[in-house]
Amino acid sequence: MAGLAPEGSQFDTCQYDAKMTELLSTERRDFFKPYDEVFETFHIMGLKENLQRGIYAYGFEKPSAIQQRGIVPFCQGLDVIQQVQCGTEKTATFCSGILQQLDYDVVQCPALVLASTTELAQQIEEVMRALGDYLGVKVQAFVGGTSTWSCI
């Protein structure tokens, strides 16, 4: 049938689970290391002063649970996997990590965030722009079907 993936190329959840179990076994524990440090305030995370200003101006007073655990390892360049419920400020977590790591002297695009939907891309743009307000960042969301000439 046209449009179907060739046999054997479809995602197999059992095979995936078995491989992840193997990778996370005690012999292969170096593949995944939990990051257990918790930062109760944005101030002790070592964030740039102007990033902190943007965070507080956006309305955050205290980091959410995911922010307490996710911002610092992201800023340290570690691979971070976040899985929490909606509305827990995941977007602000990775946006803070990106904004902290940027070299603001670079003129070219220093960061690219890919999103699965137009709504998510617009949300990321809004949060990135708000948190980076005091850093002088330029943020632009590009979505399918939208002219980019006015953005250049």
Protein backbone atom coordinates (compact mmCIF):
# COMPACT_ATOMS: atom_id res chain seq x y z
CA MET A 1 0.00 0.00 0.00
CA ALA A 2 1.21 3.48 -0.80
CA GLY A 3 2.15 5.68 2.15
CA LEU A 4 2.98 2.88 4.56
CA ALA A 5 6.45 2.58 6.03
CA PRO A 6 8.49 -0.43 4.91
CA GLU A 7 8.18 -3.49 7.10
CA GLY A 8 10.31 -3.26 10.22
CA SER A 9 10.68 0.52 10.14
CA GLN A 10 7.68 1.34 12.31
CA PHE A 11 8.22 2.34 15.93
CA ASP A 12 8.16 -0.67 18.25
CA THR A 13 7.42 0.33 21.85
CA CYS A 14 8.48 -3.04 23.27
CA GLN A 15 11.84 -2.86 21.51
CA TYR A 16 12.29 0.73 22.67
CA ASP A 17 11.48 -0.16 26.30
CA ALA A 18 13.89 -3.09 26.20
CA LYS A 19 16.70 -0.90 24.83
CA MET A 20 16.10 1.81 27.44
CA THR A 21 16.09 -0.81 30.21
CA GLU A 22 19.42 -2.08 28.90
CA LEU A 23 20.93 1.41 28.72
CA LEU A 24 19.77 2.32 32.21
CA SER A 25 20.92 -0.93 33.80
CA THR A 26 23.58 -0.79 36.49
CA GLU A 27 26.34 -1.77 34.06
CA ARG A 28 25.50 1.15 31.74
CA ARG A 29 24.66 3.73 34.41
CA ASP A 30 27.08 6.21 32.79
CA PHE A 31 24.47 6.78 30.06
CA PHE A 32 22.08 8.54 32.43
CA LYS A 33 23.00 10.44 35.57
CA PRO A 34 20.31 12.05 37.67
CA TYR A 35 20.86 15.65 38.70
CA ASP A 36 19.57 15.99 42.23
CA GLU A 37 20.63 19.52 43.19
CA VAL A 38 17.70 21.84 43.92
CA PHE A 39 17.97 25.65 43.83
CA GLU A 40 15.31 27.36 45.95
CA THR A 41 15.79 30.84 44.43
CA PHE A 42 16.82 32.27 41.06
CA HIS A 43 19.50 34.32 42.82
CA ILE A 44 21.56 31.29 43.91
CA MET A 45 21.50 29.76 40.42
CA GLY A 46 24.27 32.10 39.29
CA LEU A 47 22.22 33.60 36.46
CA LYS A 48 23.18 36.84 34.74
CA GLU A 49 21.79 39.86 36.56
CA ASN A 50 19.79 41.06 33.54
CA LEU A 51 18.34 37.59 33.04
CA GLN A 52 17.20 37.59 36.65
CA ARG A 53 15.63 41.01 36.08
CA GLY A 54 13.71 39.57 33.12
CA ILE A 55 12.61 36.57 35.16
CA TYR A 56 11.29 38.74 38.00
CA ALA A 57 9.69 41.23 35.57
CA TYR A 58 7.86 38.32 33.91
CA GLY A 59 6.22 37.63 37.26
CA PHE A 60 8.27 34.81 38.71
CA GLU A 61 9.03 35.27 42.39
CA LYS A 62 10.23 31.76 43.16
CA PRO A 63 11.28 28.97 40.79
CA SER A 64 8.81 26.17 40.13
CA ALA A 65 9.88 22.59 40.87
CA ILE A 66 11.14 22.01 37.32
CA GLN A 67 12.97 25.35 37.31
CA GLN A 68 14.65 24.51 40.64
CA ARG A 69 16.05 21.33 39.09
CA GLY A 70 16.32 22.12 35.36
CA ILE A 71 17.83 25.56 34.81
CA VAL A 72 21.30 25.03 36.28
CA PRO A 73 22.13 21.72 34.54
CA PHE A 74 20.90 23.23 31.28
CA CYS A 75 23.20 26.24 31.85
CA GLN A 76 26.08 23.84 32.52
CA GLY A 77 25.63 22.39 29.04
CA LEU A 78 24.23 19.08 30.23
CA ASP A 79 21.57 17.26 28.23
CA VAL A 80 18.33 17.80 30.11
CA ILE A 81 15.17 15.74 29.76
CA GLN A 82 12.15 17.33 31.43
CA GLN A 83 8.86 15.56 31.85
CA VAL A 84 6.25 17.30 33.96
CA GLN A 85 2.63 18.34 33.66
CA CYS A 86 1.43 21.28 31.59
CA GLY A 87 1.60 24.67 33.25
CA THR A 88 4.74 23.94 35.25
CA GLU A 89 6.95 26.46 33.41
CA LYS A 90 9.03 24.08 31.29
CA THR A 91 9.29 26.73 28.57
CA ALA A 92 10.71 29.32 30.96
CA THR A 93 13.16 26.69 32.21
CA PHE A 94 14.82 26.00 28.87
CA CYS A 95 14.49 29.63 27.73
CA SER A 96 16.40 30.71 30.85
CA GLY A 97 19.08 28.13 30.11
CA ILE A 98 19.45 29.33 26.53
CA LEU A 99 19.54 33.01 27.48
CA GLN A 100 22.16 32.34 30.16
CA GLN A 101 24.50 30.63 27.69
CA LEU A 102 24.28 33.12 24.80
CA ASP A 103 27.26 35.18 23.71
CA TYR A 104 25.65 38.58 23.23
CA ASP A 105 28.53 39.86 21.11
CA VAL A 106 27.71 37.39 18.32
CA VAL A 107 25.64 38.92 15.52
CA GLN A 108 24.62 35.63 13.89
CA CYS A 109 21.78 33.49 15.22
CA PRO A 110 23.27 31.87 18.35
CA ALA A 111 20.27 29.69 19.21
CA LEU A 112 17.47 27.90 17.42
CA VAL A 113 14.47 26.34 19.13
CA LEU A 114 12.25 23.99 17.14
CA ALA A 115 8.61 23.60 18.15
CA SER A 116 5.99 21.10 17.05
CA THR A 117 3.08 23.54 16.71
CA THR A 118 2.51 27.19 15.80
CA GLU A 119 1.02 27.83 19.24
CA LEU A 120 4.06 26.42 21.01
CA ALA A 121 6.43 28.41 18.78
CA GLN A 122 4.52 31.59 19.64
CA GLN A 123 4.58 30.74 23.35
CA ILE A 124 8.35 30.16 23.23
CA GLU A 125 8.83 33.45 21.38
CA GLU A 126 6.79 35.32 24.00
CA VAL A 127 8.64 33.80 26.96
CA MET A 128 12.08 34.20 25.35
CA ARG A 129 11.36 37.83 24.52
CA ALA A 130 10.05 38.60 28.03
CA LEU A 131 12.88 36.86 29.91
CA GLY A 132 15.47 38.40 27.59
CA ASP A 133 13.99 41.89 27.75
CA TYR A 134 16.91 43.31 29.77
CA LEU A 135 19.51 41.37 27.76
CA GLY A 136 18.72 43.03 24.44
CA VAL A 137 17.97 39.77 22.65
CA LYS A 138 16.21 39.63 19.30
CA VAL A 139 13.64 36.86 19.09
CA GLN A 140 11.60 35.77 16.09
CA ALA A 141 9.20 32.89 15.57
CA PHE A 142 9.09 31.51 12.04
CA VAL A 143 6.09 29.34 11.23
CA GLY A 144 4.95 27.70 8.05
CA GLY A 145 2.86 29.85 5.70
CA THR A 146 4.20 33.14 7.09
CA SER A 147 6.25 35.59 5.06
CA THR A 148 9.70 36.15 6.57
CA TRP A 149 10.62 39.24 4.51
CA SER A 150 9.37 41.65 7.16
CA CYS A 151 11.64 39.98 9.76
CA ILE A 152 14.93 40.50 7.96
